[in-house]
Amino acid sequence: MTHAVPAAVQLSRQGTLSALRRLPEYLTIWVPLLLSAGHLVSFALWTIWVSFTPSTLLPVSGWVGLRNYTSVMATRNWTIAFDNLLLFGSGFVLLSLLIGLVLAILLDQRIRGENVLRSIFLYPMAVSFVVTGTVWSWLLNPGLGIQKLVNGLGWTAFRFDWLIDRDMAIWTIVIAAVWQSSGFAMALFLAGLRSVDADLVKAAQIDGAGPIRLYRRVILPTLWPITVTVVVIQLQFAITTFDLVRALTGGGPGIATLLPALVVYDFMFQRGLLARGAAAAVLMLLTLLAVLLPYAAWQYAQRRKAARA
């Protein structure tokens, strides 16, 4: 017993010194993290509170229940915006997944100039969405871009006027978004392909599996967790898209390419209906949670399954 106390004291001192040495690390990580979390939570709660008030230009106290929510959902703009979100989200996610996977498979063949090609494919991620929208608005403008170029080459019957076509304008946003984000999907898929067990691939090849069967039966199933991650991240982008649409179409022609974020902007900053804009923002948050919560539950189930194994 006489030797146990000094040893315990020594261990306590070592633990204290170790904690003090790591204090700068804790401060560097946790202080910004807690401030960011506090900022997000506080503004989310404030937005929710405003959505239940009769606020217009400035926030005011009061209680109107769900009136702002019913008013927002009854407007034609919100209905069109949500329909556009479903169309844009599905087209954007599917195309970015497909293109990203194809690019990853091609780069996984260890081709010459892989580093250069990977940089080219990833480059659009470094460009802001405003710049992307502006450049694509030039390219898709019938009087400036692709259509004018092809017409100038002699093909006068060629038409590519989706930007001013109410039925096709939403697909111009899909094109620009896919160009911007396919490199991100490619990077994740490529990392997954490079992590596939080489022995598993060799065993399948020994059994006579050709390239198509090898990818379909062996390699692609192992990419399922990465696929889910890419889908969730891309859906988050689709739900919150604002600056790309603002720069590319401005929500037009007319209101043909409205998305929920533009409806929030319209209510808050153009019409001066703060409470209705807050209600629209909360509806966007609920849509985002409908994507994130199942993903979080799936991740938790996967961790529990791995822990039991």
C-alpha atoms as a PDB file:
ATOM      1  CA  MET A   1       0.000   0.000   0.000  1.00  0.00           C
ATOM      2  CA  THR A   2       2.884   2.373   0.704  1.00  0.00           C
ATOM      3  CA  HIS A   3       4.040   2.092  -2.899  1.00  0.00           C
ATOM      4  CA  ALA A   4       0.563   2.366  -4.459  1.00  0.00           C
ATOM      5  CA  VAL A   5      -0.080   5.976  -3.513  1.00  0.00           C
ATOM      6  CA  PRO A   6       3.048   7.490  -5.097  1.00  0.00           C
ATOM      7  CA  ALA A   7       2.429   5.445  -8.235  1.00  0.00           C
ATOM      8  CA  ALA A   8      -1.156   6.689  -8.447  1.00  0.00           C
ATOM      9  CA  VAL A   9      -0.013  10.257  -7.887  1.00  0.00           C
ATOM     10  CA  GLN A  10       2.624   9.899 -10.580  1.00  0.00           C
ATOM     11  CA  LEU A  11       0.068   8.544 -13.049  1.00  0.00           C
ATOM     12  CA  SER A  12      -2.303  11.389 -12.212  1.00  0.00           C
ATOM     13  CA  ARG A  13       0.437  13.957 -12.807  1.00  0.00           C
ATOM     14  CA  GLN A  14       1.375  12.349 -16.117  1.00  0.00           C
ATOM     15  CA  GLY A  15      -2.267  12.404 -17.196  1.00  0.00           C
ATOM     16  CA  THR A  16      -2.580  16.067 -16.241  1.00  0.00           C
ATOM     17  CA  LEU A  17       0.600  16.991 -18.118  1.00  0.00           C
ATOM     18  CA  SER A  18      -0.546  15.043 -21.148  1.00  0.00           C
ATOM     19  CA  ALA A  19      -3.914  16.821 -21.093  1.00  0.00           C
ATOM     20  CA  LEU A  20      -2.201  20.225 -20.777  1.00  0.00           C
ATOM     21  CA  ARG A  21       0.080  19.458 -23.713  1.00  0.00           C
ATOM     22  CA  ARG A  22      -2.931  18.523 -25.827  1.00  0.00           C
ATOM     23  CA  LEU A  23      -4.950  21.562 -24.732  1.00  0.00           C
ATOM     24  CA  PRO A  24      -4.028  23.597 -27.866  1.00  0.00           C
ATOM     25  CA  GLU A  25      -5.254  20.711 -30.023  1.00  0.00           C
ATOM     26  CA  TYR A  26      -8.552  20.591 -28.154  1.00  0.00           C
ATOM     27  CA  LEU A  27      -8.980  24.358 -28.410  1.00  0.00           C
ATOM     28  CA  THR A  28      -8.155  24.338 -32.118  1.00  0.00           C
ATOM     29  CA  ILE A  29     -10.700  21.624 -32.879  1.00  0.00           C
ATOM     30  CA  TRP A  30     -13.523  21.996 -30.386  1.00  0.00           C
ATOM     31  CA  VAL A  31     -13.888  25.767 -30.057  1.00  0.00           C
ATOM     32  CA  PRO A  32     -14.567  26.388 -33.792  1.00  0.00           C
ATOM     33  CA  LEU A  33     -16.696  23.235 -33.914  1.00  0.00           C
ATOM     34  CA  LEU A  34     -18.856  24.309 -30.972  1.00  0.00           C
ATOM     35  CA  LEU A  35     -19.156  27.868 -32.295  1.00  0.00           C
ATOM     36  CA  SER A  36     -20.241  26.590 -35.712  1.00  0.00           C
ATOM     37  CA  ALA A  37     -22.741  24.175 -34.175  1.00  0.00           C
ATOM     38  CA  GLY A  38     -24.104  26.923 -31.918  1.00  0.00           C
ATOM     39  CA  HIS A  39     -24.400  29.270 -34.893  1.00  0.00           C
ATOM     40  CA  LEU A  40     -26.294  26.729 -36.990  1.00  0.00           C
ATOM     41  CA  VAL A  41     -28.606  25.589 -34.206  1.00  0.00           C
ATOM     42  CA  SER A  42     -29.391  29.102 -32.986  1.00  0.00           C
ATOM     43  CA  PHE A  43     -30.235  30.409 -36.450  1.00  0.00           C
ATOM     44  CA  ALA A  44     -32.291  27.309 -37.227  1.00  0.00           C
ATOM     45  CA  LEU A  45     -34.303  27.825 -34.034  1.00  0.00           C
ATOM     46  CA  TRP A  46     -34.691  31.535 -34.809  1.00  0.00           C
ATOM     47  CA  THR A  47     -35.944  30.721 -38.325  1.00  0.00           C
ATOM     48  CA  ILE A  48     -38.438  28.220 -36.917  1.00  0.00           C
ATOM     49  CA  TRP A  49     -39.690  30.812 -34.434  1.00  0.00           C
ATOM     50  CA  VAL A  50     -40.086  33.484 -37.127  1.00  0.00           C
ATOM     51  CA  SER A  51     -42.056  31.039 -39.293  1.00  0.00           C
ATOM     52  CA  PHE A  52     -44.824  31.004 -36.667  1.00  0.00           C
ATOM     53  CA  THR A  53     -45.059  34.803 -36.399  1.00  0.00           C
ATOM     54  CA  PRO A  54     -46.758  37.484 -38.553  1.00  0.00           C
ATOM     55  CA  SER A  55     -43.364  39.013 -39.451  1.00  0.00           C
ATOM     56  CA  THR A  56     -43.048  40.922 -42.723  1.00  0.00           C
ATOM     57  CA  LEU A  57     -40.132  43.301 -43.296  1.00  0.00           C
ATOM     58  CA  LEU A  58     -38.861  42.869 -39.740  1.00  0.00           C
ATOM     59  CA  PRO A  59     -39.339  40.079 -37.190  1.00  0.00           C
ATOM     60  CA  VAL A  60     -42.160  40.725 -34.736  1.00  0.00           C
ATOM     61  CA  SER A  61     -43.585  38.695 -31.878  1.00  0.00           C
ATOM     62  CA  GLY A  62     -46.913  36.968 -32.180  1.00  0.00           C
ATOM     63  CA  TRP A  63     -48.330  33.574 -33.017  1.00  0.00           C
ATOM     64  CA  VAL A  64     -50.150  32.611 -36.206  1.00  0.00           C
ATOM     65  CA  GLY A  65     -49.762  28.849 -36.009  1.00  0.00           C
ATOM     66  CA  LEU A  66     -49.317  27.066 -39.319  1.00  0.00           C
ATOM     67  CA  ARG A  67     -50.749  29.905 -41.401  1.00  0.00           C
ATOM     68  CA  ASN A  68     -47.435  30.732 -43.066  1.00  0.00           C
ATOM     69  CA  TYR A  69     -46.805  27.086 -43.932  1.00  0.00           C
ATOM     70  CA  THR A  70     -50.234  26.596 -45.494  1.00  0.00           C
ATOM     71  CA  SER A  71     -49.836  29.873 -47.398  1.00  0.00           C
ATOM     72  CA  VAL A  72     -46.459  28.827 -48.802  1.00  0.00           C
ATOM     73  CA  MET A  73     -47.588  25.348 -49.827  1.00  0.00           C
ATOM     74  CA  ALA A  74     -50.708  26.787 -51.471  1.00  0.00           C
ATOM     75  CA  THR A  75     -48.726  29.075 -53.776  1.00  0.00           C
ATOM     76  CA  ARG A  76     -48.088  28.093 -57.372  1.00  0.00           C
ATOM     77  CA  ASN A  77     -44.422  29.034 -57.036  1.00  0.00           C
ATOM     78  CA  TRP A  78     -43.831  26.494 -54.259  1.00  0.00           C
ATOM     79  CA  THR A  79     -45.649  23.736 -56.141  1.00  0.00           C
ATOM     80  CA  ILE A  80     -43.575  24.348 -59.270  1.00  0.00           C
ATOM     81  CA  ALA A  81     -40.376  24.642 -57.230  1.00  0.00           C
ATOM     82  CA  PHE A  82     -40.951  21.326 -55.475  1.00  0.00           C
ATOM     83  CA  ASP A  83     -41.838  19.571 -58.741  1.00  0.00           C
ATOM     84  CA  ASN A  84     -38.664  21.012 -60.264  1.00  0.00           C
ATOM     85  CA  LEU A  85     -36.680  19.799 -57.258  1.00  0.00           C
ATOM     86  CA  LEU A  86     -37.882  16.232 -57.820  1.00  0.00           C
ATOM     87  CA  LEU A  87     -36.999  16.406 -61.510  1.00  0.00           C
ATOM     88  CA  PHE A  88     -33.687  18.190 -61.034  1.00  0.00           C
ATOM     89  CA  GLY A  89     -32.659  16.044 -58.061  1.00  0.00           C
ATOM     90  CA  SER A  90     -33.361  12.727 -59.752  1.00  0.00           C
ATOM     91  CA  GLY A  91     -31.740  13.705 -63.058  1.00  0.00           C
ATOM     92  CA  PHE A  92     -28.714  15.304 -61.418  1.00  0.00           C
ATOM     93  CA  VAL A  93     -28.044  12.477 -58.960  1.00  0.00           C
ATOM     94  CA  LEU A  94     -28.460   9.666 -61.495  1.00  0.00           C
ATOM     95  CA  LEU A  95     -26.355  11.315 -64.197  1.00  0.00           C
ATOM     96  CA  SER A  96     -23.570  12.390 -61.836  1.00  0.00           C
ATOM     97  CA  LEU A  97     -23.454   8.869 -60.384  1.00  0.00           C
ATOM     98  CA  LEU A  98     -23.299   7.253 -63.817  1.00  0.00           C
ATOM     99  CA  ILE A  99     -20.709   9.629 -65.265  1.00  0.00           C
ATOM    100  CA  GLY A 100     -18.606   9.580 -62.095  1.00  0.00           C
ATOM    101  CA  LEU A 101     -18.613   5.780 -62.019  1.00  0.00           C
ATOM    102  CA  VAL A 102     -17.662   5.480 -65.699  1.00  0.00           C
ATOM    103  CA  LEU A 103     -14.825   7.969 -65.295  1.00  0.00           C
ATOM    104  CA  ALA A 104     -13.591   6.152 -62.184  1.00  0.00           C
ATOM    105  CA  ILE A 105     -13.607   2.795 -63.971  1.00  0.00           C
ATOM    106  CA  LEU A 106     -11.658   4.267 -66.902  1.00  0.00           C
ATOM    107  CA  LEU A 107      -9.070   5.861 -64.625  1.00  0.00           C
ATOM    108  CA  ASP A 108      -8.765   2.652 -62.625  1.00  0.00           C
ATOM    109  CA  GLN A 109      -7.209   0.972 -65.678  1.00  0.00           C
ATOM    110  CA  ARG A 110      -3.889   2.698 -64.806  1.00  0.00           C
ATOM    111  CA  ILE A 111      -3.852   4.561 -68.107  1.00  0.00           C
ATOM    112  CA  ARG A 112      -1.079   6.926 -69.111  1.00  0.00           C
ATOM    113  CA  GLY A 113      -1.688  10.511 -68.031  1.00  0.00           C
ATOM    114  CA  GLU A 114      -4.009   9.453 -65.232  1.00  0.00           C
ATOM    115  CA  ASN A 115      -2.913  12.283 -62.950  1.00  0.00           C
ATOM    116  CA  VAL A 116      -3.583  14.891 -65.629  1.00  0.00           C
ATOM    117  CA  LEU A 117      -7.000  13.453 -66.466  1.00  0.00           C
ATOM    118  CA  ARG A 118      -7.943  13.210 -62.797  1.00  0.00           C
ATOM    119  CA  SER A 119      -7.029  16.856 -62.331  1.00  0.00           C
ATOM    120  CA  ILE A 120      -9.102  17.849 -65.365  1.00  0.00           C
ATOM    121  CA  PHE A 121     -12.138  15.930 -64.120  1.00  0.00           C
ATOM    122  CA  LEU A 122     -11.789  17.404 -60.636  1.00  0.00           C
ATOM    123  CA  TYR A 123     -11.220  20.963 -61.858  1.00  0.00           C
ATOM    124  CA  PRO A 124     -14.919  21.948 -62.027  1.00  0.00           C
ATOM    125  CA  MET A 125     -15.160  21.432 -58.260  1.00  0.00           C
ATOM    126  CA  ALA A 126     -12.771  24.360 -57.806  1.00  0.00           C
ATOM    127  CA  VAL A 127     -15.084  26.693 -59.729  1.00  0.00           C
ATOM    128  CA  SER A 128     -17.821  28.529 -57.854  1.00  0.00           C
ATOM    129  CA  PHE A 129     -21.416  27.774 -58.759  1.00  0.00           C
ATOM    130  CA  VAL A 130     -21.948  31.388 -59.810  1.00  0.00           C
ATOM    131  CA  VAL A 131     -19.134  31.108 -62.349  1.00  0.00           C
ATOM    132  CA  THR A 132     -20.454  27.743 -63.529  1.00  0.00           C
ATOM    133  CA  GLY A 133     -23.939  29.150 -64.000  1.00  0.00           C
ATOM    134  CA  THR A 134     -22.685  32.223 -65.820  1.00  0.00           C
ATOM    135  CA  VAL A 135     -20.456  30.289 -68.241  1.00  0.00           C
ATOM    136  CA  TRP A 136     -23.153  27.738 -69.019  1.00  0.00           C
ATOM    137  CA  SER A 137     -25.667  30.530 -69.577  1.00  0.00           C
ATOM    138  CA  TRP A 138     -23.350  31.801 -72.327  1.00  0.00           C
ATOM    139  CA  LEU A 139     -22.852  28.342 -73.830  1.00  0.00           C
ATOM    140  CA  LEU A 140     -26.577  27.548 -73.858  1.00  0.00           C
ATOM    141  CA  ASN A 141     -27.733  30.959 -75.054  1.00  0.00           C
ATOM    142  CA  PRO A 142     -29.097  30.408 -78.599  1.00  0.00           C
ATOM    143  CA  GLY A 143     -27.683  33.735 -79.755  1.00  0.00           C
ATOM    144  CA  LEU A 144     -24.207  33.312 -78.267  1.00  0.00           C
ATOM    145  CA  GLY A 145     -23.248  29.722 -77.632  1.00  0.00           C
ATOM    146  CA  ILE A 146     -23.544  26.234 -79.056  1.00  0.00           C
ATOM    147  CA  GLN A 147     -26.480  26.868 -81.348  1.00  0.00           C
ATOM    148  CA  LYS A 148     -24.864  29.947 -82.912  1.00  0.00           C
ATOM    149  CA  LEU A 149     -21.584  28.074 -83.376  1.00  0.00           C
ATOM    150  CA  VAL A 150     -23.213  25.110 -85.144  1.00  0.00           C
ATOM    151  CA  ASN A 151     -25.414  27.403 -87.250  1.00  0.00           C
ATOM    152  CA  GLY A 152     -22.288  29.301 -88.285  1.00  0.00           C
ATOM    153  CA  LEU A 153     -20.748  26.027 -89.503  1.00  0.00           C
ATOM    154  CA  GLY A 154     -23.600  25.655 -91.981  1.00  0.00           C
ATOM    155  CA  TRP A 155     -26.115  23.522 -90.086  1.00  0.00           C
ATOM    156  CA  THR A 156     -28.825  26.161 -90.015  1.00  0.00           C
ATOM    157  CA  ALA A 157     -31.569  23.737 -88.952  1.00  0.00           C
ATOM    158  CA  PHE A 158     -29.787  22.891 -85.681  1.00  0.00           C
ATOM    159  CA  ARG A 159     -31.624  24.091 -82.554  1.00  0.00           C
ATOM    160  CA  PHE A 160     -30.405  23.953 -78.974  1.00  0.00           C
ATOM    161  CA  ASP A 161     -32.578  26.535 -77.274  1.00  0.00           C
ATOM    162  CA  TRP A 162     -33.326  24.720 -74.010  1.00  0.00           C
ATOM    163  CA  LEU A 163     -32.418  27.834 -72.034  1.00  0.00           C
ATOM    164  CA  ILE A 164     -35.503  29.650 -73.318  1.00  0.00           C
ATOM    165  CA  ASP A 165     -37.778  26.604 -73.540  1.00  0.00           C
ATOM    166  CA  ARG A 166     -40.095  26.305 -70.530  1.00  0.00           C
ATOM    167  CA  ASP A 167     -40.243  22.520 -70.798  1.00  0.00           C
ATOM    168  CA  MET A 168     -36.499  21.931 -71.236  1.00  0.00           C
ATOM    169  CA  ALA A 169     -34.931  24.757 -69.221  1.00  0.00           C
ATOM    170  CA  ILE A 170     -34.716  22.653 -66.038  1.00  0.00           C
ATOM    171  CA  TRP A 171     -32.384  20.285 -67.887  1.00  0.00           C
ATOM    172  CA  THR A 172     -29.894  23.091 -68.471  1.00  0.00           C
ATOM    173  CA  ILE A 173     -29.476  23.228 -64.691  1.00  0.00           C
ATOM    174  CA  VAL A 174     -29.007  19.463 -64.629  1.00  0.00           C
ATOM    175  CA  ILE A 175     -26.282  19.735 -67.300  1.00  0.00           C
ATOM    176  CA  ALA A 176     -24.378  22.441 -65.425  1.00  0.00           C
ATOM    177  CA  ALA A 177     -24.722  20.678 -62.059  1.00  0.00           C
ATOM    178  CA  VAL A 178     -23.549  17.351 -63.481  1.00  0.00           C
ATOM    179  CA  TRP A 179     -20.530  19.043 -65.061  1.00  0.00           C
ATOM    180  CA  GLN A 180     -19.710  20.605 -61.691  1.00  0.00           C
ATOM    181  CA  SER A 181     -20.173  17.527 -59.483  1.00  0.00           C
ATOM    182  CA  SER A 182     -19.311  14.444 -61.546  1.00  0.00           C
ATOM    183  CA  GLY A 183     -15.644  14.811 -60.594  1.00  0.00           C
ATOM    184  CA  PHE A 184     -16.589  14.544 -56.924  1.00  0.00           C
ATOM    185  CA  ALA A 185     -18.440  11.264 -57.543  1.00  0.00           C
ATOM    186  CA  MET A 186     -15.504  10.053 -59.648  1.00  0.00           C
ATOM    187  CA  ALA A 187     -13.022  10.729 -56.827  1.00  0.00           C
ATOM    188  CA  LEU A 188     -15.040   8.741 -54.287  1.00  0.00           C
ATOM    189  CA  PHE A 189     -15.681   5.853 -56.668  1.00  0.00           C
ATOM    190  CA  LEU A 190     -12.018   5.750 -57.692  1.00  0.00           C
ATOM    191  CA  ALA A 191     -10.969   5.544 -54.043  1.00  0.00           C
ATOM    192  CA  GLY A 192     -13.434   2.677 -53.605  1.00  0.00           C
ATOM    193  CA  LEU A 193     -12.161   0.845 -56.678  1.00  0.00           C
ATOM    194  CA  ARG A 194      -8.577   1.157 -55.488  1.00  0.00           C
ATOM    195  CA  SER A 195      -9.545  -0.336 -52.113  1.00  0.00           C
ATOM    196  CA  VAL A 196     -11.124  -3.527 -53.543  1.00  0.00           C
ATOM    197  CA  ASP A 197      -9.343  -6.651 -52.322  1.00  0.00           C
ATOM    198  CA  ALA A 198      -6.939  -7.715 -55.078  1.00  0.00           C
ATOM    199  CA  ASP A 199      -7.154 -11.364 -54.017  1.00  0.00           C
ATOM    200  CA  LEU A 200     -10.921 -11.278 -54.511  1.00  0.00           C
ATOM    201  CA  VAL A 201     -10.485  -9.925 -58.027  1.00  0.00           C
ATOM    202  CA  LYS A 202      -7.839 -12.526 -58.876  1.00  0.00           C
ATOM    203  CA  ALA A 203     -10.035 -15.321 -57.576  1.00  0.00           C
ATOM    204  CA  ALA A 204     -12.911 -14.160 -59.784  1.00  0.00           C
ATOM    205  CA  GLN A 205     -10.598 -13.965 -62.810  1.00  0.00           C
ATOM    206  CA  ILE A 206      -9.311 -17.491 -62.141  1.00  0.00           C
ATOM    207  CA  ASP A 207     -12.927 -18.679 -62.067  1.00  0.00           C
ATOM    208  CA  GLY A 208     -13.320 -17.286 -65.590  1.00  0.00           C
ATOM    209  CA  ALA A 209     -15.154 -14.030 -64.886  1.00  0.00           C
ATOM    210  CA  GLY A 210     -14.850 -11.564 -67.768  1.00  0.00           C
ATOM    211  CA  PRO A 211     -14.539  -7.795 -67.290  1.00  0.00           C
ATOM    212  CA  ILE A 212     -18.285  -7.109 -67.370  1.00  0.00           C
ATOM    213  CA  ARG A 213     -19.149  -9.951 -65.014  1.00  0.00           C
ATOM    214  CA  LEU A 214     -16.213  -9.048 -62.767  1.00  0.00           C
ATOM    215  CA  TYR A 215     -17.483  -5.506 -62.274  1.00  0.00           C
ATOM    216  CA  ARG A 216     -21.152  -6.496 -62.049  1.00  0.00           C
ATOM    217  CA  ARG A 217     -20.769  -9.392 -59.609  1.00  0.00           C
ATOM    218  CA  VAL A 218     -17.601  -8.620 -57.634  1.00  0.00           C
ATOM    219  CA  ILE A 219     -16.406  -5.019 -57.777  1.00  0.00           C
ATOM    220  CA  LEU A 220     -19.557  -2.881 -57.984  1.00  0.00           C
ATOM    221  CA  PRO A 221     -21.308  -4.550 -55.004  1.00  0.00           C
ATOM    222  CA  THR A 222     -18.390  -3.513 -52.801  1.00  0.00           C
ATOM    223  CA  LEU A 223     -19.011   0.125 -53.784  1.00  0.00           C
ATOM    224  CA  TRP A 224     -22.517   0.156 -52.305  1.00  0.00           C
ATOM    225  CA  PRO A 225     -21.548   2.202 -49.162  1.00  0.00           C
ATOM    226  CA  ILE A 226     -19.770   4.773 -51.352  1.00  0.00           C
ATOM    227  CA  THR A 227     -22.776   4.931 -53.674  1.00  0.00           C
ATOM    228  CA  VAL A 228     -25.090   5.699 -50.754  1.00  0.00           C
ATOM    229  CA  THR A 229     -22.725   8.409 -49.528  1.00  0.00           C
ATOM    230  CA  VAL A 230     -22.526  10.043 -52.958  1.00  0.00           C
ATOM    231  CA  VAL A 231     -26.312   9.949 -53.363  1.00  0.00           C
ATOM    232  CA  VAL A 232     -26.894  11.600 -49.977  1.00  0.00           C
ATOM    233  CA  ILE A 233     -24.311  14.345 -50.568  1.00  0.00           C
ATOM    234  CA  GLN A 234     -25.620  15.069 -54.067  1.00  0.00           C
ATOM    235  CA  LEU A 235     -29.209  15.185 -52.788  1.00  0.00           C
ATOM    236  CA  GLN A 236     -28.128  17.735 -50.165  1.00  0.00           C
ATOM    237  CA  PHE A 237     -26.679  19.851 -52.940  1.00  0.00           C
ATOM    238  CA  ALA A 238     -29.836  19.501 -55.048  1.00  0.00           C
ATOM    239  CA  ILE A 239     -32.120  20.539 -52.179  1.00  0.00           C
ATOM    240  CA  THR A 240     -30.061  23.613 -51.282  1.00  0.00           C
ATOM    241  CA  THR A 241     -29.168  24.728 -54.823  1.00  0.00           C
ATOM    242  CA  PHE A 242     -29.524  28.481 -55.223  1.00  0.00           C
ATOM    243  CA  ASP A 243     -26.548  30.286 -56.760  1.00  0.00           C
ATOM    244  CA  LEU A 244     -26.261  27.956 -59.763  1.00  0.00           C
ATOM    245  CA  VAL A 245     -29.895  28.519 -60.764  1.00  0.00           C
ATOM    246  CA  ARG A 246     -29.706  32.218 -59.957  1.00  0.00           C
ATOM    247  CA  ALA A 247     -26.745  32.681 -62.294  1.00  0.00           C
ATOM    248  CA  LEU A 248     -27.897  30.307 -65.047  1.00  0.00           C
ATOM    249  CA  THR A 249     -31.627  30.932 -65.488  1.00  0.00           C
ATOM    250  CA  GLY A 250     -32.713  33.233 -62.663  1.00  0.00           C
ATOM    251  CA  GLY A 251     -35.639  30.860 -62.187  1.00  0.00           C
ATOM    252  CA  GLY A 252     -36.896  31.467 -65.724  1.00  0.00           C
ATOM    253  CA  PRO A 253     -38.102  31.505 -68.341  1.00  0.00           C
ATOM    254  CA  GLY A 254     -40.945  32.823 -66.243  1.00  0.00           C
ATOM    255  CA  ILE A 255     -40.916  30.555 -63.195  1.00  0.00           C
ATOM    256  CA  ALA A 256     -40.113  27.364 -65.112  1.00  0.00           C
ATOM    257  CA  THR A 257     -36.869  26.630 -63.220  1.00  0.00           C
ATOM    258  CA  LEU A 258     -37.766  27.771 -59.734  1.00  0.00           C
ATOM    259  CA  LEU A 259     -36.290  25.722 -56.908  1.00  0.00           C
ATOM    260  CA  PRO A 260     -37.191  25.947 -53.183  1.00  0.00           C
ATOM    261  CA  ALA A 261     -34.158  28.108 -52.323  1.00  0.00           C
ATOM    262  CA  LEU A 262     -35.274  30.708 -54.881  1.00  0.00           C
ATOM    263  CA  VAL A 263     -38.756  30.717 -53.350  1.00  0.00           C
ATOM    264  CA  VAL A 264     -37.208  31.478 -49.950  1.00  0.00           C
ATOM    265  CA  TYR A 265     -35.201  34.313 -51.480  1.00  0.00           C
ATOM    266  CA  ASP A 266     -38.280  35.664 -53.256  1.00  0.00           C
ATOM    267  CA  PHE A 267     -40.411  35.732 -50.105  1.00  0.00           C
ATOM    268  CA  MET A 268     -37.744  37.208 -47.843  1.00  0.00           C
ATOM    269  CA  PHE A 269     -35.903  39.724 -50.006  1.00  0.00           C
ATOM    270  CA  GLN A 270     -38.197  40.589 -52.907  1.00  0.00           C
ATOM    271  CA  ARG A 271     -41.655  40.498 -51.374  1.00  0.00           C
ATOM    272  CA  GLY A 272     -40.691  41.402 -47.810  1.00  0.00           C
ATOM    273  CA  LEU A 273     -42.591  38.443 -46.337  1.00  0.00           C
ATOM    274  CA  LEU A 274     -40.081  37.329 -43.739  1.00  0.00           C
ATOM    275  CA  ALA A 275     -42.315  34.809 -41.972  1.00  0.00           C
ATOM    276  CA  ARG A 276     -43.357  33.083 -45.179  1.00  0.00           C
ATOM    277  CA  GLY A 277     -39.742  32.913 -46.318  1.00  0.00           C
ATOM    278  CA  ALA A 278     -38.811  31.383 -42.966  1.00  0.00           C
ATOM    279  CA  ALA A 279     -41.617  28.840 -43.359  1.00  0.00           C
ATOM    280  CA  ALA A 280     -40.311  27.917 -46.816  1.00  0.00           C
ATOM    281  CA  ALA A 281     -36.802  27.572 -45.342  1.00  0.00           C
ATOM    282  CA  VAL A 282     -38.112  25.255 -42.624  1.00  0.00           C
ATOM    283  CA  LEU A 283     -39.848  23.149 -45.281  1.00  0.00           C
ATOM    284  CA  MET A 284     -36.483  22.908 -47.061  1.00  0.00           C
ATOM    285  CA  LEU A 285     -34.898  21.837 -43.768  1.00  0.00           C
ATOM    286  CA  LEU A 286     -37.517  19.115 -43.325  1.00  0.00           C
ATOM    287  CA  THR A 287     -36.830  17.903 -46.868  1.00  0.00           C
ATOM    288  CA  LEU A 288     -33.115  17.798 -46.068  1.00  0.00           C
ATOM    289  CA  LEU A 289     -33.756  15.889 -42.841  1.00  0.00           C
ATOM    290  CA  ALA A 290     -35.824  13.384 -44.815  1.00  0.00           C
ATOM    291  CA  VAL A 291     -32.575  12.577 -46.632  1.00  0.00           C
ATOM    292  CA  LEU A 292     -30.101  12.846 -43.742  1.00  0.00           C
ATOM    293  CA  LEU A 293     -31.948  10.984 -40.985  1.00  0.00           C
ATOM    294  CA  PRO A 294     -32.355   7.707 -42.907  1.00  0.00           C
ATOM    295  CA  TYR A 295     -28.698   7.964 -43.904  1.00  0.00           C
ATOM    296  CA  ALA A 296     -27.664   8.511 -40.270  1.00  0.00           C
ATOM    297  CA  ALA A 297     -29.797   5.532 -39.197  1.00  0.00           C
ATOM    298  CA  TRP A 298     -28.192   3.400 -41.916  1.00  0.00           C
ATOM    299  CA  GLN A 299     -24.702   4.452 -40.806  1.00  0.00           C
ATOM    300  CA  TYR A 300     -25.545   3.613 -37.204  1.00  0.00           C
ATOM    301  CA  ALA A 301     -26.861   0.190 -38.218  1.00  0.00           C
ATOM    302  CA  GLN A 302     -23.700  -0.453 -40.236  1.00  0.00           C
ATOM    303  CA  ARG A 303     -21.482   0.427 -37.254  1.00  0.00           C
ATOM    304  CA  ARG A 304     -23.504  -1.818 -34.954  1.00  0.00           C
ATOM    305  CA  LYS A 305     -23.246  -4.649 -37.465  1.00  0.00           C
ATOM    306  CA  ALA A 306     -19.470  -4.175 -37.775  1.00  0.00           C
ATOM    307  CA  ALA A 307     -19.089  -4.077 -33.990  1.00  0.00           C
ATOM    308  CA  ARG A 308     -20.985  -7.350 -33.580  1.00  0.00           C
ATOM    309  CA  ALA A 309     -18.869  -8.970 -36.267  1.00  0.00           C
END
